[in-house]
Full PDB file with SEQRES, HELIX, SHEET, SSBOND, CRYST1, ORIGX, SCALE, CONECT and MASTER records, all heavy atoms in Angstrom:
SEQRES   1 A   38  THR ALA SER PHE GLY LEU PRO GLU VAL GLY LEU GLY ILE          
SEQRES   2 A   38  LEU PRO SER SER GLY GLY LEU THR ARG LEU VAL ARG ALA          
SEQRES   3 A   38  ALA GLY PRO ALA ILE ALA ARG GLU ILE ILE LEU PHE              
HELIX    1 AA1 GLU A    8  LEU A   11  5                                   4    
HELIX    2 AA2 GLY A   19  ALA A   27  1                                   9    
HELIX    3 AA3 PRO A   29  LEU A   37  1                                   9    
CRYST1    1.000    1.000    1.000  90.00  90.00  90.00 P 1           1          
ORIGX1      1.000000  0.000000  0.000000        0.00000                         
ORIGX2      0.000000  1.000000  0.000000        0.00000                         
ORIGX3      0.000000  0.000000  1.000000        0.00000                         
SCALE1      1.000000  0.000000  0.000000        0.00000                         
SCALE2      0.000000  1.000000  0.000000        0.00000                         
SCALE3      0.000000  0.000000  1.000000        0.00000                         
ATOM      1  N   THR A   1      16.894  25.152 -64.047  1.00  0.00           N  
ATOM      2  CA  THR A   1      18.058  24.809 -63.227  1.00  0.00           C  
ATOM      3  C   THR A   1      17.898  25.239 -61.772  1.00  0.00           C  
ATOM      4  O   THR A   1      18.725  24.895 -60.935  1.00  0.00           O  
ATOM      5  CB  THR A   1      19.333  25.481 -63.778  1.00  0.00           C  
ATOM      6  OG1 THR A   1      19.267  26.901 -63.546  1.00  0.00           O  
ATOM      7  CG2 THR A   1      19.501  25.217 -65.265  1.00  0.00           C  
ATOM      8  N   ALA A   2      16.842  25.982 -61.476  1.00  0.00           N  
ATOM      9  CA  ALA A   2      16.707  26.581 -60.138  1.00  0.00           C  
ATOM     10  C   ALA A   2      16.458  25.530 -59.070  1.00  0.00           C  
ATOM     11  O   ALA A   2      15.755  24.539 -59.281  1.00  0.00           O  
ATOM     12  CB  ALA A   2      15.575  27.604 -60.136  1.00  0.00           C  
ATOM     13  N   SER A   3      17.039  25.763 -57.908  1.00  0.00           N  
ATOM     14  CA  SER A   3      16.891  24.880 -56.757  1.00  0.00           C  
ATOM     15  C   SER A   3      16.678  25.740 -55.521  1.00  0.00           C  
ATOM     16  O   SER A   3      17.510  26.600 -55.215  1.00  0.00           O  
ATOM     17  CB  SER A   3      18.140  24.006 -56.595  1.00  0.00           C  
ATOM     18  OG  SER A   3      18.074  23.221 -55.420  1.00  0.00           O  
ATOM     19  N   PHE A   4      15.565  25.523 -54.818  1.00  0.00           N  
ATOM     20  CA  PHE A   4      15.173  26.358 -53.683  1.00  0.00           C  
ATOM     21  C   PHE A   4      15.322  25.591 -52.374  1.00  0.00           C  
ATOM     22  O   PHE A   4      15.250  24.363 -52.339  1.00  0.00           O  
ATOM     23  CB  PHE A   4      13.714  26.795 -53.842  1.00  0.00           C  
ATOM     24  CG  PHE A   4      13.450  27.648 -55.050  1.00  0.00           C  
ATOM     25  CD1 PHE A   4      13.186  27.067 -56.284  1.00  0.00           C  
ATOM     26  CD2 PHE A   4      13.464  29.030 -54.963  1.00  0.00           C  
ATOM     27  CE1 PHE A   4      12.945  27.845 -57.409  1.00  0.00           C  
ATOM     28  CE2 PHE A   4      13.227  29.817 -56.075  1.00  0.00           C  
ATOM     29  CZ  PHE A   4      12.962  29.225 -57.297  1.00  0.00           C  
ATOM     30  N   GLY A   5      15.495  26.327 -51.286  1.00  0.00           N  
ATOM     31  CA  GLY A   5      15.536  25.697 -49.979  1.00  0.00           C  
ATOM     32  C   GLY A   5      15.897  26.685 -48.886  1.00  0.00           C  
ATOM     33  O   GLY A   5      16.501  27.732 -49.146  1.00  0.00           O  
ATOM     34  N   LEU A   6      15.511  26.329 -47.668  1.00  0.00           N  
ATOM     35  CA  LEU A   6      15.837  27.118 -46.477  1.00  0.00           C  
ATOM     36  C   LEU A   6      16.478  26.172 -45.468  1.00  0.00           C  
ATOM     37  O   LEU A   6      15.782  25.520 -44.680  1.00  0.00           O  
ATOM     38  CB  LEU A   6      14.574  27.775 -45.894  1.00  0.00           C  
ATOM     39  CG  LEU A   6      13.932  28.868 -46.750  1.00  0.00           C  
ATOM     40  CD1 LEU A   6      12.557  29.248 -46.209  1.00  0.00           C  
ATOM     41  CD2 LEU A   6      14.828  30.103 -46.810  1.00  0.00           C  
ATOM     42  N   PRO A   7      17.813  26.066 -45.453  1.00  0.00           N  
ATOM     43  CA  PRO A   7      18.497  25.074 -44.621  1.00  0.00           C  
ATOM     44  C   PRO A   7      18.851  25.549 -43.218  1.00  0.00           C  
ATOM     45  O   PRO A   7      19.579  24.853 -42.500  1.00  0.00           O  
ATOM     46  CB  PRO A   7      19.780  24.811 -45.423  1.00  0.00           C  
ATOM     47  CG  PRO A   7      20.085  26.146 -46.047  1.00  0.00           C  
ATOM     48  CD  PRO A   7      18.737  26.753 -46.373  1.00  0.00           C  
ATOM     49  N   GLU A   8      18.334  26.703 -42.802  1.00  0.00           N  
ATOM     50  CA  GLU A   8      18.825  27.322 -41.563  1.00  0.00           C  
ATOM     51  C   GLU A   8      18.645  26.467 -40.320  1.00  0.00           C  
ATOM     52  O   GLU A   8      19.514  26.454 -39.431  1.00  0.00           O  
ATOM     53  CB  GLU A   8      18.130  28.684 -41.361  1.00  0.00           C  
ATOM     54  CG  GLU A   8      18.619  29.789 -42.270  1.00  0.00           C  
ATOM     55  CD  GLU A   8      17.902  29.838 -43.599  1.00  0.00           C  
ATOM     56  OE1 GLU A   8      17.198  28.856 -43.944  1.00  0.00           O  
ATOM     57  OE2 GLU A   8      18.028  30.853 -44.313  1.00  0.00           O  
ATOM     58  N   VAL A   9      17.531  25.753 -40.193  1.00  0.00           N  
ATOM     59  CA  VAL A   9      17.292  24.963 -38.976  1.00  0.00           C  
ATOM     60  C   VAL A   9      18.403  23.947 -38.766  1.00  0.00           C  
ATOM     61  O   VAL A   9      18.841  23.706 -37.634  1.00  0.00           O  
ATOM     62  CB  VAL A   9      15.911  24.283 -39.032  1.00  0.00           C  
ATOM     63  CG1 VAL A   9      15.774  23.221 -37.939  1.00  0.00           C  
ATOM     64  CG2 VAL A   9      14.802  25.332 -38.859  1.00  0.00           C  
ATOM     65  N   GLY A  10      18.912  23.358 -39.840  1.00  0.00           N  
ATOM     66  CA  GLY A  10      20.013  22.411 -39.723  1.00  0.00           C  
ATOM     67  C   GLY A  10      21.291  23.035 -39.212  1.00  0.00           C  
ATOM     68  O   GLY A  10      22.177  22.329 -38.726  1.00  0.00           O  
ATOM     69  N   LEU A  11      21.381  24.367 -39.299  1.00  0.00           N  
ATOM     70  CA  LEU A  11      22.544  25.093 -38.772  1.00  0.00           C  
ATOM     71  C   LEU A  11      22.296  25.603 -37.353  1.00  0.00           C  
ATOM     72  O   LEU A  11      23.121  26.298 -36.790  1.00  0.00           O  
ATOM     73  CB  LEU A  11      22.880  26.275 -39.688  1.00  0.00           C  
ATOM     74  CG  LEU A  11      23.249  25.923 -41.130  1.00  0.00           C  
ATOM     75  CD1 LEU A  11      23.401  27.196 -41.962  1.00  0.00           C  
ATOM     76  CD2 LEU A  11      24.529  25.102 -41.172  1.00  0.00           C  
ATOM     77  N   GLY A  12      21.127  25.247 -36.811  1.00  0.00           N  
ATOM     78  CA  GLY A  12      20.795  25.676 -35.454  1.00  0.00           C  
ATOM     79  C   GLY A  12      20.190  27.065 -35.370  1.00  0.00           C  
ATOM     80  O   GLY A  12      20.112  27.634 -34.283  1.00  0.00           O  
ATOM     81  N   ILE A  13      19.738  27.606 -36.509  1.00  0.00           N  
ATOM     82  CA  ILE A  13      19.106  28.927 -36.529  1.00  0.00           C  
ATOM     83  C   ILE A  13      17.784  28.803 -37.283  1.00  0.00           C  
ATOM     84  O   ILE A  13      17.240  27.709 -37.399  1.00  0.00           O  
ATOM     85  CB  ILE A  13      20.037  29.985 -37.169  1.00  0.00           C  
ATOM     86  CG1 ILE A  13      20.554  29.511 -38.535  1.00  0.00           C  
ATOM     87  CG2 ILE A  13      21.211  30.287 -36.236  1.00  0.00           C  
ATOM     88  CD1 ILE A  13      21.422  30.525 -39.258  1.00  0.00           C  
ATOM     89  N   LEU A  14      17.248  29.892 -37.780  1.00  0.00           N  
ATOM     90  CA  LEU A  14      16.028  29.862 -38.566  1.00  0.00           C  
ATOM     91  C   LEU A  14      16.053  31.012 -39.555  1.00  0.00           C  
ATOM     92  O   LEU A  14      16.823  31.964 -39.379  1.00  0.00           O  
ATOM     93  CB  LEU A  14      14.782  29.953 -37.678  1.00  0.00           C  
ATOM     94  CG  LEU A  14      14.345  31.326 -37.136  1.00  0.00           C  
ATOM     95  CD1 LEU A  14      12.944  31.244 -36.578  1.00  0.00           C  
ATOM     96  CD2 LEU A  14      15.299  31.866 -36.093  1.00  0.00           C  
ATOM     97  N   PRO A  15      15.251  30.952 -40.616  1.00  0.00           N  
ATOM     98  CA  PRO A  15      15.208  32.080 -41.551  1.00  0.00           C  
ATOM     99  C   PRO A  15      14.726  33.329 -40.813  1.00  0.00           C  
ATOM    100  O   PRO A  15      13.664  33.307 -40.184  1.00  0.00           O  
ATOM    101  CB  PRO A  15      14.190  31.630 -42.599  1.00  0.00           C  
ATOM    102  CG  PRO A  15      14.105  30.148 -42.464  1.00  0.00           C  
ATOM    103  CD  PRO A  15      14.352  29.866 -41.021  1.00  0.00           C  
ATOM    104  N   SER A  16      15.499  34.395 -40.894  1.00  0.00           N  
ATOM    105  CA  SER A  16      15.189  35.550 -40.049  1.00  0.00           C  
ATOM    106  C   SER A  16      15.259  36.872 -40.785  1.00  0.00           C  
ATOM    107  O   SER A  16      15.259  37.935 -40.163  1.00  0.00           O  
ATOM    108  CB  SER A  16      16.158  35.595 -38.860  1.00  0.00           C  
ATOM    109  OG  SER A  16      17.498  35.694 -39.322  1.00  0.00           O  
ATOM    110  N   SER A  17      15.316  36.825 -42.126  1.00  0.00           N  
ATOM    111  CA  SER A  17      15.313  38.064 -42.901  1.00  0.00           C  
ATOM    112  C   SER A  17      13.984  38.238 -43.628  1.00  0.00           C  
ATOM    113  O   SER A  17      13.920  38.712 -44.744  1.00  0.00           O  
ATOM    114  CB  SER A  17      16.470  38.073 -43.902  1.00  0.00           C  
ATOM    115  OG  SER A  17      17.714  38.115 -43.221  1.00  0.00           O  
ATOM    116  N   GLY A  18      12.922  37.827 -42.954  1.00  0.00           N  
ATOM    117  CA  GLY A  18      11.582  37.932 -43.513  1.00  0.00           C  
ATOM    118  C   GLY A  18      11.139  36.711 -44.268  1.00  0.00           C  
ATOM    119  O   GLY A  18       9.971  36.599 -44.654  1.00  0.00           O  
ATOM    120  N   GLY A  19      12.047  35.767 -44.495  1.00  0.00           N  
ATOM    121  CA  GLY A  19      11.704  34.593 -45.283  1.00  0.00           C  
ATOM    122  C   GLY A  19      10.651  33.711 -44.630  1.00  0.00           C  
ATOM    123  O   GLY A  19       9.744  33.220 -45.312  1.00  0.00           O  
ATOM    124  N   LEU A  20      10.759  33.495 -43.321  1.00  0.00           N  
ATOM    125  CA  LEU A  20       9.774  32.671 -42.630  1.00  0.00           C  
ATOM    126  C   LEU A  20       8.397  33.305 -42.744  1.00  0.00           C  
ATOM    127  O   LEU A  20       7.411  32.646 -43.112  1.00  0.00           O  
ATOM    128  CB  LEU A  20      10.187  32.505 -41.161  1.00  0.00           C  
ATOM    129  CG  LEU A  20       9.317  31.599 -40.290  1.00  0.00           C  
ATOM    130  CD1 LEU A  20      10.160  30.955 -39.186  1.00  0.00           C  
ATOM    131  CD2 LEU A  20       8.166  32.367 -39.654  1.00  0.00           C  
ATOM    132  N   THR A  21       8.309  34.593 -42.451  1.00  0.00           N  
ATOM    133  CA  THR A  21       7.020  35.293 -42.497  1.00  0.00           C  
ATOM    134  C   THR A  21       6.441  35.290 -43.905  1.00  0.00           C  
ATOM    135  O   THR A  21       5.245  35.005 -44.110  1.00  0.00           O  
ATOM    136  CB  THR A  21       7.192  36.736 -42.010  1.00  0.00           C  
ATOM    137  OG1 THR A  21       7.671  36.719 -40.664  1.00  0.00           O  
ATOM    138  CG2 THR A  21       5.884  37.502 -42.066  1.00  0.00           C  
ATOM    139  N   ARG A  22       7.266  35.602 -44.897  1.00  0.00           N  
ATOM    140  CA  ARG A  22       6.759  35.681 -46.271  1.00  0.00           C  
ATOM    141  C   ARG A  22       6.382  34.308 -46.806  1.00  0.00           C  
ATOM    142  O   ARG A  22       5.424  34.178 -47.575  1.00  0.00           O  
ATOM    143  CB  ARG A  22       7.790  36.361 -47.173  1.00  0.00           C  
ATOM    144  CG  ARG A  22       7.987  37.820 -46.822  1.00  0.00           C  
ATOM    145  CD  ARG A  22       8.843  38.575 -47.840  1.00  0.00           C  
ATOM    146  NE  ARG A  22       8.977  39.950 -47.390  1.00  0.00           N  
ATOM    147  CZ  ARG A  22       9.982  40.428 -46.661  1.00  0.00           C  
ATOM    148  NH1 ARG A  22      10.990  39.641 -46.338  1.00  0.00           N  
ATOM    149  NH2 ARG A  22      10.003  41.682 -46.258  1.00  0.00           N  
ATOM    150  N   LEU A  23       7.129  33.277 -46.426  1.00  0.00           N  
ATOM    151  CA  LEU A  23       6.793  31.935 -46.884  1.00  0.00           C  
ATOM    152  C   LEU A  23       5.466  31.482 -46.288  1.00  0.00           C  
ATOM    153  O   LEU A  23       4.639  30.879 -46.995  1.00  0.00           O  
ATOM    154  CB  LEU A  23       7.903  30.948 -46.508  1.00  0.00           C  
ATOM    155  CG  LEU A  23       7.719  29.522 -47.018  1.00  0.00           C  
ATOM    156  CD1 LEU A  23       7.630  29.489 -48.546  1.00  0.00           C  
ATOM    157  CD2 LEU A  23       8.868  28.633 -46.536  1.00  0.00           C  
ATOM    158  N   VAL A  24       5.236  31.764 -45.020  1.00  0.00           N  
ATOM    159  CA  VAL A  24       3.951  31.425 -44.401  1.00  0.00           C  
ATOM    160  C   VAL A  24       2.806  32.113 -45.137  1.00  0.00           C  
ATOM    161  O   VAL A  24       1.774  31.505 -45.427  1.00  0.00           O  
ATOM    162  CB  VAL A  24       3.945  31.815 -42.906  1.00  0.00           C  
ATOM    163  CG1 VAL A  24       2.542  31.722 -42.325  1.00  0.00           C  
ATOM    164  CG2 VAL A  24       4.893  30.917 -42.111  1.00  0.00           C  
ATOM    165  N   ARG A  25       2.997  33.381 -45.469  1.00  0.00           N  
ATOM    166  CA  ARG A  25       1.918  34.115 -46.139  1.00  0.00           C  
ATOM    167  C   ARG A  25       1.745  33.683 -47.583  1.00  0.00           C  
ATOM    168  O   ARG A  25       0.644  33.741 -48.133  1.00  0.00           O  
ATOM    169  CB  ARG A  25       2.192  35.612 -46.052  1.00  0.00           C  
ATOM    170  CG  ARG A  25       2.050  36.126 -44.621  1.00  0.00           C  
ATOM    171  CD  ARG A  25       2.339  37.590 -44.494  1.00  0.00           C  
ATOM    172  NE  ARG A  25       2.114  38.030 -43.115  1.00  0.00           N  
ATOM    173  CZ  ARG A  25       2.399  39.236 -42.650  1.00  0.00           C  
ATOM    174  NH1 ARG A  25       2.926  40.132 -43.461  1.00  0.00           N  
ATOM    175  NH2 ARG A  25       2.148  39.556 -41.406  1.00  0.00           N  
ATOM    176  N   ALA A  26       2.834  33.251 -48.223  1.00  0.00           N  
ATOM    177  CA  ALA A  26       2.749  32.850 -49.629  1.00  0.00           C  
ATOM    178  C   ALA A  26       2.222  31.431 -49.800  1.00  0.00           C  
ATOM    179  O   ALA A  26       1.459  31.154 -50.732  1.00  0.00           O  
ATOM    180  CB  ALA A  26       4.119  32.970 -50.294  1.00  0.00           C  
ATOM    181  N   ALA A  27       2.630  30.522 -48.902  1.00  0.00           N  
ATOM    182  CA  ALA A  27       2.308  29.103 -49.094  1.00  0.00           C  
ATOM    183  C   ALA A  27       1.478  28.510 -47.977  1.00  0.00           C  
ATOM    184  O   ALA A  27       1.010  27.372 -48.099  1.00  0.00           O  
ATOM    185  CB  ALA A  27       3.604  28.304 -49.253  1.00  0.00           C  
ATOM    186  N   GLY A  28       1.298  29.239 -46.866  1.00  0.00           N  
ATOM    187  CA  GLY A  28       0.561  28.718 -45.728  1.00  0.00           C  
ATOM    188  C   GLY A  28       1.483  28.065 -44.712  1.00  0.00           C  
ATOM    189  O   GLY A  28       2.591  27.634 -45.043  1.00  0.00           O  
ATOM    190  N   PRO A  29       1.033  27.978 -43.454  1.00  0.00           N  
ATOM    191  CA  PRO A  29       1.906  27.450 -42.397  1.00  0.00           C  
ATOM    192  C   PRO A  29       2.286  25.983 -42.569  1.00  0.00           C  
ATOM    193  O   PRO A  29       3.392  25.593 -42.216  1.00  0.00           O  
ATOM    194  CB  PRO A  29       1.083  27.666 -41.113  1.00  0.00           C  
ATOM    195  CG  PRO A  29      -0.324  27.842 -41.571  1.00  0.00           C  
ATOM    196  CD  PRO A  29      -0.256  28.467 -42.917  1.00  0.00           C  
ATOM    197  N   ALA A  30       1.409  25.159 -43.124  1.00  0.00           N  
ATOM    198  CA  ALA A  30       1.735  23.732 -43.267  1.00  0.00           C  
ATOM    199  C   ALA A  30       2.900  23.534 -44.240  1.00  0.00           C  
ATOM    200  O   ALA A  30       3.852  22.801 -43.941  1.00  0.00           O  
ATOM    201  CB  ALA A  30       0.509  22.962 -43.732  1.00  0.00           C  
ATOM    202  N   ILE A  31       2.831  24.180 -45.399  1.00  0.00           N  
ATOM    203  CA  ILE A  31       3.913  24.070 -46.372  1.00  0.00           C  
ATOM    204  C   ILE A  31       5.186  24.706 -45.822  1.00  0.00           C  
ATOM    205  O   ILE A  31       6.289  24.176 -45.991  1.00  0.00           O  
ATOM    206  CB  ILE A  31       3.514  24.733 -47.704  1.00  0.00           C  
ATOM    207  CG1 ILE A  31       2.325  24.006 -48.323  1.00  0.00           C  
ATOM    208  CG2 ILE A  31       4.692  24.765 -48.673  1.00  0.00           C  
ATOM    209  CD1 ILE A  31       2.575  22.555 -48.643  1.00  0.00           C  
ATOM    210  N   ALA A  32       5.044  25.853 -45.143  1.00  0.00           N  
ATOM    211  CA  ALA A  32       6.213  26.517 -44.571  1.00  0.00           C  
ATOM    212  C   ALA A  32       6.915  25.607 -43.566  1.00  0.00           C  
ATOM    213  O   ALA A  32       8.149  25.544 -43.532  1.00  0.00           O  
ATOM    214  CB  ALA A  32       5.813  27.828 -43.920  1.00  0.00           C  
ATOM    215  N   ARG A  33       6.153  24.893 -42.745  1.00  0.00           N  
ATOM    216  CA  ARG A  33       6.759  23.959 -41.781  1.00  0.00           C  
ATOM    217  C   ARG A  33       7.578  22.898 -42.505  1.00  0.00           C  
ATOM    218  O   ARG A  33       8.701  22.579 -42.096  1.00  0.00           O  
ATOM    219  CB  ARG A  33       5.674  23.285 -40.936  1.00  0.00           C  
ATOM    220  CG  ARG A  33       5.082  24.153 -39.850  1.00  0.00           C  
ATOM    221  CD  ARG A  33       4.220  23.326 -38.910  1.00  0.00           C  
ATOM    222  NE  ARG A  33       3.572  24.174 -37.942  1.00  0.00           N  
ATOM    223  CZ  ARG A  33       2.339  24.653 -38.060  1.00  0.00           C  
ATOM    224  NH1 ARG A  33       1.621  24.350 -39.135  1.00  0.00           N  
ATOM    225  NH2 ARG A  33       1.809  25.428 -37.131  1.00  0.00           N  
ATOM    226  N   GLU A  34       7.028  22.326 -43.553  1.00  0.00           N  
ATOM    227  CA  GLU A  34       7.745  21.276 -44.276  1.00  0.00           C  
ATOM    228  C   GLU A  34       9.039  21.800 -44.892  1.00  0.00           C  
ATOM    229  O   GLU A  34      10.105  21.174 -44.774  1.00  0.00           O  
ATOM    230  CB  GLU A  34       6.852  20.705 -45.384  1.00  0.00           C  
ATOM    231  CG  GLU A  34       5.687  19.872 -44.870  1.00  0.00           C  
ATOM    232  CD  GLU A  34       4.956  19.174 -45.994  1.00  0.00           C  
ATOM    233  OE1 GLU A  34       5.589  18.924 -47.039  1.00  0.00           O  
ATOM    234  OE2 GLU A  34       3.758  18.878 -45.828  1.00  0.00           O  
ATOM    235  N   ILE A  35       8.956  22.956 -45.546  1.00  0.00           N  
ATOM    236  CA  ILE A  35      10.134  23.503 -46.219  1.00  0.00           C  
ATOM    237  C   ILE A  35      11.211  23.875 -45.216  1.00  0.00           C  
ATOM    238  O   ILE A  35      12.400  23.572 -45.408  1.00  0.00           O  
ATOM    239  CB  ILE A  35       9.729  24.723 -47.064  1.00  0.00           C  
ATOM    240  CG1 ILE A  35       8.892  24.278 -48.272  1.00  0.00           C  
ATOM    241  CG2 ILE A  35      10.966  25.504 -47.530  1.00  0.00           C  
ATOM    242  CD1 ILE A  35       8.314  25.419 -49.082  1.00  0.00           C  
ATOM    243  N   ILE A  36      10.813  24.530 -44.115  1.00  0.00           N  
ATOM    244  CA  ILE A  36      11.796  25.057 -43.164  1.00  0.00           C  
ATOM    245  C   ILE A  36      12.329  23.969 -42.238  1.00  0.00           C  
ATOM    246  O   ILE A  36      13.539  23.884 -41.996  1.00  0.00           O  
ATOM    247  CB  ILE A  36      11.186  26.222 -42.358  1.00  0.00           C  
ATOM    248  CG1 ILE A  36      10.866  27.394 -43.295  1.00  0.00           C  
ATOM    249  CG2 ILE A  36      12.145  26.677 -41.258  1.00  0.00           C  
ATOM    250  CD1 ILE A  36      10.083  28.519 -42.643  1.00  0.00           C  
ATOM    251  N   LEU A  37      11.463  23.105 -41.713  1.00  0.00           N  
ATOM    252  CA  LEU A  37      11.921  22.113 -40.737  1.00  0.00           C  
ATOM    253  C   LEU A  37      12.746  21.010 -41.392  1.00  0.00           C  
ATOM    254  O   LEU A  37      13.738  20.549 -40.822  1.00  0.00           O  
ATOM    255  CB  LEU A  37      10.726  21.521 -39.990  1.00  0.00           C  
ATOM    256  CG  LEU A  37       9.982  22.491 -39.063  1.00  0.00           C  
ATOM    257  CD1 LEU A  37       8.809  21.797 -38.390  1.00  0.00           C  
ATOM    258  CD2 LEU A  37      10.920  23.073 -38.004  1.00  0.00           C  
ATOM    259  N   PHE A  38      12.364  20.574 -42.581  1.00  0.00           N  
ATOM    260  CA  PHE A  38      13.144  19.546 -43.260  1.00  0.00           C  
ATOM    261  C   PHE A  38      14.372  20.145 -43.934  1.00  0.00           C  
ATOM    262  O   PHE A  38      15.394  19.472 -44.071  1.00  0.00           O  
ATOM    263  CB  PHE A  38      12.292  18.794 -44.288  1.00  0.00           C  
ATOM    264  CG  PHE A  38      11.368  17.781 -43.671  1.00  0.00           C  
ATOM    265  CD1 PHE A  38      10.024  18.075 -43.488  1.00  0.00           C  
ATOM    266  CD2 PHE A  38      11.843  16.543 -43.257  1.00  0.00           C  
ATOM    267  CE1 PHE A  38       9.166  17.148 -42.912  1.00  0.00           C  
ATOM    268  CE2 PHE A  38      10.994  15.613 -42.682  1.00  0.00           C  
ATOM    269  CZ  PHE A  38       9.648  15.911 -42.499  1.00  0.00           C  
TER     270      PHE A  38                                                      
MASTER        0    0    0    3    0    0    0    6  269    1    0    3          
END                                                                             
């Protein structure tokens, strides 16, 4: 049932509690760009 996402950019901000950094390190910058920007 789990559903993941980082919708902050659509609110005019960005993930800022370590999520951006950890996602880049876990999945790489290309995947992080797709998840965060979209």
